[in-house]
Every structure is written in C-alpha cells, then in structure tokens.
C-alpha cells in the first residue's frame, strides 16, 4: 500500500467525507456515536461489494478499506475526545 495509490487516496477522501457528515449529525444531536458506526459499516460494506463487482482486485479493495477506516477513525476519535 503506497500513499499515492489511487485506492488509498480515494479511501482517505471518502473517509473524510463520511466522517464530516457523521460529525455534523452528531453535533446536531441527530446521531449517536453507535449509530454512526452502523452507518459507516453499512456504507463500507456496500461500497466494497460494488468495487469487487466492478472488477477491483481484492488487494485494491483492502487498500481502499484501510485508508477509509483510518480517515474515519481519526476524525471521529478527535471529535469524541474533544
């Protein structure tokens, strides 16, 4: 996994977008952290299945997933710790 790999970059970008949305909803009191986890899990599962169906290699999906998970985790943890 390299930092400039398109799957890593896409995972990070999607992770940031998802985290920003979830944090916004949590700030509004419309979503609990537990609900946010469920939303992220469903989104990740659906996107990974779509990537495999479109012909992505398993290692590419894994790289995307790792980058996405790191981005979401970092942002949500920073929010919940503040």
PDB file of N, CA and C in Angstrom:
ATOM      1  N   UNK A   1       0.860  -1.178   0.000  1.00  0.00           N
ATOM      2  CA  UNK A   1       0.000   0.000   0.000  1.00  0.00           C
ATOM      3  C   UNK A   1       0.900   1.232   0.000  1.00  0.00           C
ATOM      4  N   UNK A   2       0.748   2.051  -1.017  1.00  0.00           N
ATOM      5  CA  UNK A   2       1.523   3.293  -1.090  1.00  0.00           C
ATOM      6  C   UNK A   2       0.582   4.477  -0.929  1.00  0.00           C
ATOM      7  N   UNK A   3       1.140   5.548  -0.418  1.00  0.00           N
ATOM      8  CA  UNK A   3       0.329   6.733  -0.117  1.00  0.00           C
ATOM      9  C   UNK A   3      -0.312   7.369  -1.350  1.00  0.00           C
ATOM     10  N   UNK A   4       0.308   7.205  -2.515  1.00  0.00           N
ATOM     11  CA  UNK A   4      -0.238   7.830  -3.724  1.00  0.00           C
ATOM     12  C   UNK A   4      -1.059   6.865  -4.577  1.00  0.00           C
ATOM     13  N   UNK A   5      -1.275   5.659  -4.086  1.00  0.00           N
ATOM     14  CA  UNK A   5      -2.117   4.681  -4.781  1.00  0.00           C
ATOM     15  C   UNK A   5      -3.527   5.255  -4.898  1.00  0.00           C
ATOM     16  N   UNK A   6      -4.132   5.193  -6.076  1.00  0.00           N
ATOM     17  CA  UNK A   6      -5.470   5.776  -6.251  1.00  0.00           C
ATOM     18  C   UNK A   6      -6.516   5.212  -5.290  1.00  0.00           C
ATOM     19  N   UNK A   7      -6.387   3.949  -4.924  1.00  0.00           N
ATOM     20  CA  UNK A   7      -7.353   3.361  -3.991  1.00  0.00           C
ATOM     21  C   UNK A   7      -7.152   3.909  -2.585  1.00  0.00           C
ATOM     22  N   UNK A   8      -5.903   4.154  -2.203  1.00  0.00           N
ATOM     23  CA  UNK A   8      -5.604   4.735  -0.895  1.00  0.00           C
ATOM     24  C   UNK A   8      -6.113   6.174  -0.850  1.00  0.00           C
ATOM     25  N   UNK A   9      -5.823   6.936  -1.890  1.00  0.00           N
ATOM     26  CA  UNK A   9      -6.272   8.332  -1.962  1.00  0.00           C
ATOM     27  C   UNK A   9      -7.797   8.397  -1.913  1.00  0.00           C
ATOM     28  N   UNK A  10      -8.461   7.551  -2.693  1.00  0.00           N
ATOM     29  CA  UNK A  10      -9.926   7.539  -2.716  1.00  0.00           C
ATOM     30  C   UNK A  10     -10.488   7.137  -1.357  1.00  0.00           C
ATOM     31  N   UNK A  11      -9.877   6.159  -0.718  1.00  0.00           N
ATOM     32  CA  UNK A  11     -10.338   5.746   0.603  1.00  0.00           C
ATOM     33  C   UNK A  11     -10.233   6.856   1.616  1.00  0.00           C
ATOM     34  N   UNK A  12      -9.106   7.565   1.593  1.00  0.00           N
ATOM     35  CA  UNK A  12      -8.921   8.679   2.512  1.00  0.00           C
ATOM     36  C   UNK A  12      -9.950   9.782   2.261  1.00  0.00           C
ATOM     37  N   UNK A  13     -10.142  10.110   0.993  1.00  0.00           N
ATOM     38  CA  UNK A  13     -11.105  11.163   0.642  1.00  0.00           C
ATOM     39  C   UNK A  13     -12.517  10.780   1.066  1.00  0.00           C
ATOM     40  N   UNK A  14     -12.916   9.551   0.766  1.00  0.00           N
ATOM     41  CA  UNK A  14     -14.260   9.109   1.160  1.00  0.00           C
ATOM     42  C   UNK A  14     -14.388   9.055   2.677  1.00  0.00           C
ATOM     43  N   UNK A  15     -13.335   8.635   3.346  1.00  0.00           N
ATOM     44  CA  UNK A  15     -13.360   8.594   4.804  1.00  0.00           C
ATOM     45  C   UNK A  15     -13.555   9.975   5.402  1.00  0.00           C
ATOM     46  N   UNK A  16     -12.860  10.962   4.847  1.00  0.00           N
ATOM     47  CA  UNK A  16     -13.018  12.333   5.334  1.00  0.00           C
ATOM     48  C   UNK A  16     -14.434  12.851   5.111  1.00  0.00           C
ATOM     49  N   UNK A  17     -15.000  12.549   3.954  1.00  0.00           N
ATOM     50  CA  UNK A  17     -16.363  12.993   3.636  1.00  0.00           C
ATOM     51  C   UNK A  17     -17.375  12.328   4.570  1.00  0.00           C
ATOM     52  N   UNK A  18     -17.243  11.033   4.743  1.00  0.00           N
ATOM     53  CA  UNK A  18     -18.166  10.304   5.621  1.00  0.00           C
ATOM     54  C   UNK A  18     -18.050  10.812   7.056  1.00  0.00           C
ATOM     55  N   UNK A  19     -16.824  10.977   7.521  1.00  0.00           N
ATOM     56  CA  UNK A  19     -16.618  11.444   8.898  1.00  0.00           C
ATOM     57  C   UNK A  19     -17.200  12.839   9.098  1.00  0.00           C
ATOM     58  N   UNK A  20     -16.985  13.731   8.146  1.00  0.00           N
ATOM     59  CA  UNK A  20     -17.517  15.093   8.269  1.00  0.00           C
ATOM     60  C   UNK A  20     -19.042  15.067   8.362  1.00  0.00           C
ATOM     61  N   UNK A  21     -19.670  14.252   7.548  1.00  0.00           N
ATOM     62  CA  UNK A  21     -21.125  14.129   7.586  1.00  0.00           C
ATOM     63  C   UNK A  21     -21.587  13.603   8.944  1.00  0.00           C
ATOM     64  N   UNK A  22     -20.958  12.541   9.402  1.00  0.00           N
ATOM     65  CA  UNK A  22     -21.368  11.940  10.670  1.00  0.00           C
ATOM     66  C   UNK A  22     -21.124  12.874  11.842  1.00  0.00           C
ATOM     67  N   UNK A  23     -20.007  13.557  11.837  1.00  0.00           N
ATOM     68  CA  UNK A  23     -19.713  14.504  12.915  1.00  0.00           C
ATOM     69  C   UNK A  23     -20.743  15.625  12.920  1.00  0.00           C
ATOM     70  N   UNK A  24     -21.088  16.106  11.749  1.00  0.00           N
ATOM     71  CA  UNK A  24     -22.124  17.138  11.660  1.00  0.00           C
ATOM     72  C   UNK A  24     -23.437  16.669  12.270  1.00  0.00           C
ATOM     73  N   UNK A  25     -23.818  15.441  11.965  1.00  0.00           N
ATOM     74  CA  UNK A  25     -25.068  14.885  12.516  1.00  0.00           C
ATOM     75  C   UNK A  25     -24.961  14.684  14.030  1.00  0.00           C
ATOM     76  N   UNK A  26     -23.798  14.283  14.511  1.00  0.00           N
ATOM     77  CA  UNK A  26     -23.625  14.102  15.953  1.00  0.00           C
ATOM     78  C   UNK A  26     -23.663  15.448  16.668  1.00  0.00           C
ATOM     79  N   UNK A  27     -23.060  16.475  16.067  1.00  0.00           N
ATOM     80  CA  UNK A  27     -23.092  17.814  16.660  1.00  0.00           C
ATOM     81  C   UNK A  27     -24.526  18.321  16.771  1.00  0.00           C
ATOM     82  N   UNK A  28     -25.352  17.978  15.802  1.00  0.00           N
ATOM     83  CA  UNK A  28     -26.757  18.398  15.809  1.00  0.00           C
ATOM     84  C   UNK A  28     -27.588  17.566  16.774  1.00  0.00           C
ATOM     85  N   UNK A  29     -27.002  16.532  17.343  1.00  0.00           N
ATOM     86  CA  UNK A  29     -27.732  15.657  18.253  1.00  0.00           C
ATOM     87  C   UNK A  29     -28.655  14.686  17.539  1.00  0.00           C
ATOM     88  N   UNK A  30     -28.463  14.501  16.261  1.00  0.00           N
ATOM     89  CA  UNK A  30     -29.338  13.636  15.477  1.00  0.00           C
ATOM     90  C   UNK A  30     -28.766  12.236  15.284  1.00  0.00           C
ATOM     91  N   UNK A  31     -27.574  12.007  15.833  1.00  0.00           N
ATOM     92  CA  UNK A  31     -26.908  10.730  15.633  1.00  0.00           C
ATOM     93  C   UNK A  31     -25.983  10.469  16.813  1.00  0.00           C
ATOM     94  N   UNK A  32     -26.044   9.269  17.349  1.00  0.00           N
ATOM     95  CA  UNK A  32     -25.125   8.885  18.428  1.00  0.00           C
ATOM     96  C   UNK A  32     -23.879   8.261  17.803  1.00  0.00           C
ATOM     97  N   UNK A  33     -22.777   8.190  18.552  1.00  0.00           N
ATOM     98  CA  UNK A  33     -21.590   7.522  18.018  1.00  0.00           C
ATOM     99  C   UNK A  33     -21.876   6.080  17.594  1.00  0.00           C
ATOM    100  N   UNK A  34     -22.689   5.372  18.343  1.00  0.00           N
ATOM    101  CA  UNK A  34     -23.024   3.986  17.983  1.00  0.00           C
ATOM    102  C   UNK A  34     -23.777   3.934  16.650  1.00  0.00           C
ATOM    103  N   UNK A  35     -24.688   4.861  16.447  1.00  0.00           N
ATOM    104  CA  UNK A  35     -25.413   4.911  15.175  1.00  0.00           C
ATOM    105  C   UNK A  35     -24.462   5.254  14.031  1.00  0.00           C
ATOM    106  N   UNK A  36     -23.503   6.121  14.304  1.00  0.00           N
ATOM    107  CA  UNK A  36     -22.515   6.488  13.288  1.00  0.00           C
ATOM    108  C   UNK A  36     -21.718   5.269  12.849  1.00  0.00           C
ATOM    109  N   UNK A  37     -21.342   4.429  13.794  1.00  0.00           N
ATOM    110  CA  UNK A  37     -20.597   3.208  13.474  1.00  0.00           C
ATOM    111  C   UNK A  37     -21.424   2.319  12.549  1.00  0.00           C
ATOM    112  N   UNK A  38     -22.695   2.169  12.836  1.00  0.00           N
ATOM    113  CA  UNK A  38     -23.561   1.339  11.999  1.00  0.00           C
ATOM    114  C   UNK A  38     -23.680   1.894  10.580  1.00  0.00           C
ATOM    115  N   UNK A  39     -23.779   3.194  10.460  1.00  0.00           N
ATOM    116  CA  UNK A  39     -23.880   3.825   9.144  1.00  0.00           C
ATOM    117  C   UNK A  39     -22.596   3.598   8.354  1.00  0.00           C
ATOM    118  N   UNK A  40     -21.458   3.810   9.017  1.00  0.00           N
ATOM    119  CA  UNK A  40     -20.171   3.619   8.348  1.00  0.00           C
ATOM    120  C   UNK A  40     -20.017   2.169   7.900  1.00  0.00           C
ATOM    121  N   UNK A  41     -20.353   1.241   8.768  1.00  0.00           N
ATOM    122  CA  UNK A  41     -20.214  -0.180   8.428  1.00  0.00           C
ATOM    123  C   UNK A  41     -21.054  -0.539   7.206  1.00  0.00           C
ATOM    124  N   UNK A  42     -22.275  -0.060   7.162  1.00  0.00           N
ATOM    125  CA  UNK A  42     -23.150  -0.353   6.022  1.00  0.00           C
ATOM    126  C   UNK A  42     -22.609   0.272   4.742  1.00  0.00           C
ATOM    127  N   UNK A  43     -22.137   1.498   4.837  1.00  0.00           N
ATOM    128  CA  UNK A  43     -21.594   2.194   3.662  1.00  0.00           C
ATOM    129  C   UNK A  43     -20.354   1.481   3.141  1.00  0.00           C
ATOM    130  N   UNK A  44     -19.479   1.086   4.042  1.00  0.00           N
ATOM    131  CA  UNK A  44     -18.247   0.411   3.641  1.00  0.00           C
ATOM    132  C   UNK A  44     -18.562  -0.925   2.981  1.00  0.00           C
ATOM    133  N   UNK A  45     -19.451  -1.668   3.568  1.00  0.00           N
ATOM    134  CA  UNK A  45     -19.812  -2.976   3.009  1.00  0.00           C
ATOM    135  C   UNK A  45     -20.373  -2.822   1.598  1.00  0.00           C
ATOM    136  N   UNK A  46     -21.279  -1.889   1.429  1.00  0.00           N
ATOM    137  CA  UNK A  46     -21.906  -1.679   0.123  1.00  0.00           C
ATOM    138  C   UNK A  46     -20.872  -1.248  -0.921  1.00  0.00           C
ATOM    139  N   UNK A  47     -20.009  -0.315  -0.549  1.00  0.00           N
ATOM    140  CA  UNK A  47     -19.008   0.182  -1.494  1.00  0.00           C
ATOM    141  C   UNK A  47     -18.001  -0.914  -1.851  1.00  0.00           C
ATOM    142  N   UNK A  48     -17.568  -1.697  -0.875  1.00  0.00           N
ATOM    143  CA  UNK A  48     -16.615  -2.774  -1.143  1.00  0.00           C
ATOM    144  C   UNK A  48     -17.221  -3.810  -2.096  1.00  0.00           C
ATOM    145  N   UNK A  49     -18.469  -4.147  -1.874  1.00  0.00           N
ATOM    146  CA  UNK A  49     -19.138  -5.103  -2.773  1.00  0.00           C
ATOM    147  C   UNK A  49     -19.221  -4.543  -4.192  1.00  0.00           C
ATOM    148  N   UNK A  50     -19.509  -3.272  -4.316  1.00  0.00           N
ATOM    149  CA  UNK A  50     -19.583  -2.637  -5.636  1.00  0.00           C
ATOM    150  C   UNK A  50     -18.217  -2.639  -6.323  1.00  0.00           C
ATOM    151  N   UNK A  51     -17.179  -2.401  -5.546  1.00  0.00           N
ATOM    152  CA  UNK A  51     -15.831  -2.388  -6.117  1.00  0.00           C
ATOM    153  C   UNK A  51     -15.443  -3.769  -6.647  1.00  0.00           C
ATOM    154  N   UNK A  52     -15.752  -4.804  -5.877  1.00  0.00           N
ATOM    155  CA  UNK A  52     -15.444  -6.168  -6.304  1.00  0.00           C
ATOM    156  C   UNK A  52     -16.250  -6.513  -7.559  1.00  0.00           C
ATOM    157  N   UNK A  53     -17.521  -6.158  -7.562  1.00  0.00           N
ATOM    158  CA  UNK A  53     -18.377  -6.430  -8.715  1.00  0.00           C
ATOM    159  C   UNK A  53     -17.881  -5.705  -9.971  1.00  0.00           C
ATOM    160  N   UNK A  54     -17.250  -4.548  -9.772  1.00  0.00           N
ATOM    161  CA  UNK A  54     -16.741  -3.775 -10.911  1.00  0.00           C
ATOM    162  C   UNK A  54     -15.375  -4.272 -11.378  1.00  0.00           C
ATOM    163  N   UNK A  55     -14.820  -5.261 -10.679  1.00  0.00           N
ATOM    164  CA  UNK A  55     -13.567  -5.849 -11.137  1.00  0.00           C
ATOM    165  C   UNK A  55     -12.325  -5.436 -10.375  1.00  0.00           C
ATOM    166  N   UNK A  56     -12.470  -4.709  -9.287  1.00  0.00           N
ATOM    167  CA  UNK A  56     -11.297  -4.337  -8.485  1.00  0.00           C
ATOM    168  C   UNK A  56     -10.685  -5.584  -7.866  1.00  0.00           C
ATOM    169  N   UNK A  57      -9.386  -5.569  -7.752  1.00  0.00           N
ATOM    170  CA  UNK A  57      -8.662  -6.672  -7.137  1.00  0.00           C
ATOM    171  C   UNK A  57      -8.860  -6.632  -5.620  1.00  0.00           C
ATOM    172  N   UNK A  58      -8.851  -7.767  -4.973  1.00  0.00           N
ATOM    173  CA  UNK A  58      -9.022  -7.793  -3.517  1.00  0.00           C
ATOM    174  C   UNK A  58      -8.016  -6.907  -2.766  1.00  0.00           C
ATOM    175  N   UNK A  59      -6.763  -6.875  -3.214  1.00  0.00           N
ATOM    176  CA  UNK A  59      -5.783  -6.037  -2.530  1.00  0.00           C
ATOM    177  C   UNK A  59      -6.085  -4.549  -2.714  1.00  0.00           C
ATOM    178  N   UNK A  60      -6.678  -4.183  -3.849  1.00  0.00           N
ATOM    179  CA  UNK A  60      -7.066  -2.786  -4.065  1.00  0.00           C
ATOM    180  C   UNK A  60      -8.203  -2.403  -3.118  1.00  0.00           C
ATOM    181  N   UNK A  61      -9.162  -3.290  -2.983  1.00  0.00           N
ATOM    182  CA  UNK A  61     -10.277  -3.036  -2.069  1.00  0.00           C
ATOM    183  C   UNK A  61      -9.757  -2.955  -0.634  1.00  0.00           C
ATOM    184  N   UNK A  62      -8.824  -3.820  -0.288  1.00  0.00           N
ATOM    185  CA  UNK A  62      -8.247  -3.796   1.060  1.00  0.00           C
ATOM    186  C   UNK A  62      -7.503  -2.484   1.320  1.00  0.00           C
ATOM    187  N   UNK A  63      -6.744  -2.000   0.343  1.00  0.00           N
ATOM    188  CA  UNK A  63      -6.042  -0.728   0.497  1.00  0.00           C
ATOM    189  C   UNK A  63      -7.032   0.419   0.676  1.00  0.00           C
ATOM    190  N   UNK A  64      -8.099   0.419  -0.119  1.00  0.00           N
ATOM    191  CA  UNK A  64      -9.140   1.443  -0.007  1.00  0.00           C
ATOM    192  C   UNK A  64      -9.777   1.384   1.377  1.00  0.00           C
ATOM    193  N   UNK A  65     -10.110   0.176   1.805  1.00  0.00           N
ATOM    194  CA  UNK A  65     -10.762  -0.015   3.093  1.00  0.00           C
ATOM    195  C   UNK A  65      -9.881   0.443   4.247  1.00  0.00           C
ATOM    196  N   UNK A  66      -8.618   0.113   4.204  1.00  0.00           N
ATOM    197  CA  UNK A  66      -7.691   0.515   5.261  1.00  0.00           C
ATOM    198  C   UNK A  66      -7.590   2.034   5.348  1.00  0.00           C
ATOM    199  N   UNK A  67      -7.432   2.698   4.211  1.00  0.00           N
ATOM    200  CA  UNK A  67      -7.324   4.157   4.194  1.00  0.00           C
ATOM    201  C   UNK A  67      -8.616   4.816   4.664  1.00  0.00           C
ATOM    202  N   UNK A  68      -9.752   4.289   4.229  1.00  0.00           N
ATOM    203  CA  UNK A  68     -11.043   4.839   4.644  1.00  0.00           C
ATOM    204  C   UNK A  68     -11.227   4.686   6.156  1.00  0.00           C
ATOM    205  N   UNK A  69     -10.937   3.505   6.651  1.00  0.00           N
ATOM    206  CA  UNK A  69     -11.092   3.236   8.084  1.00  0.00           C
ATOM    207  C   UNK A  69     -10.207   4.177   8.910  1.00  0.00           C
ATOM    208  N   UNK A  70      -8.968   4.367   8.484  1.00  0.00           N
ATOM    209  CA  UNK A  70      -8.059   5.258   9.207  1.00  0.00           C
ATOM    210  C   UNK A  70      -8.572   6.692   9.215  1.00  0.00           C
ATOM    211  N   UNK A  71      -9.067   7.162   8.076  1.00  0.00           N
ATOM    212  CA  UNK A  71      -9.565   8.537   7.989  1.00  0.00           C
ATOM    213  C   UNK A  71     -10.788   8.737   8.883  1.00  0.00           C
ATOM    214  N   UNK A  72     -11.744   7.833   8.793  1.00  0.00           N
ATOM    215  CA  UNK A  72     -12.955   7.952   9.616  1.00  0.00           C
ATOM    216  C   UNK A  72     -12.596   7.849  11.095  1.00  0.00           C
ATOM    217  N   UNK A  73     -11.799   6.885  11.433  1.00  0.00           N
ATOM    218  CA  UNK A  73     -11.426   6.663  12.830  1.00  0.00           C
ATOM    219  C   UNK A  73     -10.716   7.877  13.422  1.00  0.00           C
ATOM    220  N   UNK A  74      -9.765   8.414  12.694  1.00  0.00           N
ATOM    221  CA  UNK A  74      -9.016   9.573  13.182  1.00  0.00           C
ATOM    222  C   UNK A  74      -9.927  10.770  13.436  1.00  0.00           C
ATOM    223  N   UNK A  75     -10.792  11.059  12.485  1.00  0.00           N
ATOM    224  CA  UNK A  75     -11.671  12.227  12.623  1.00  0.00           C
ATOM    225  C   UNK A  75     -12.716  12.041  13.710  1.00  0.00           C
ATOM    226  N   UNK A  76     -13.323  10.864  13.776  1.00  0.00           N
ATOM    227  CA  UNK A  76     -14.367  10.623  14.787  1.00  0.00           C
ATOM    228  C   UNK A  76     -13.750  10.603  16.182  1.00  0.00           C
ATOM    229  N   UNK A  77     -12.586   9.983  16.326  1.00  0.00           N
ATOM    230  CA  UNK A  77     -11.923   9.950  17.637  1.00  0.00           C
ATOM    231  C   UNK A  77     -11.577  11.364  18.091  1.00  0.00           C
ATOM    232  N   UNK A  78     -11.077  12.179  17.203  1.00  0.00           N
ATOM    233  CA  UNK A  78     -10.744  13.560  17.556  1.00  0.00           C
ATOM    234  C   UNK A  78     -11.989  14.307  18.007  1.00  0.00           C
ATOM    235  N   UNK A  79     -13.098  14.078  17.326  1.00  0.00           N
ATOM    236  CA  UNK A  79     -14.356  14.740  17.690  1.00  0.00           C
ATOM    237  C   UNK A  79     -14.851  14.261  19.049  1.00  0.00           C
ATOM    238  N   UNK A  80     -14.869  12.961  19.276  1.00  0.00           N
ATOM    239  CA  UNK A  80     -15.427  12.436  20.525  1.00  0.00           C
ATOM    240  C   UNK A  80     -14.541  12.717  21.727  1.00  0.00           C
ATOM    241  N   UNK A  81     -13.247  12.934  21.500  1.00  0.00           N
ATOM    242  CA  UNK A  81     -12.335  13.243  22.595  1.00  0.00           C
ATOM    243  C   UNK A  81     -12.395  14.707  22.983  1.00  0.00           C
ATOM    244  N   UNK A  82     -12.911  15.557  22.114  1.00  0.00           N
ATOM    245  CA  UNK A  82     -12.948  16.987  22.428  1.00  0.00           C
ATOM    246  C   UNK A  82     -14.173  17.376  23.217  1.00  0.00           C
TER     247      UNK A  82
END
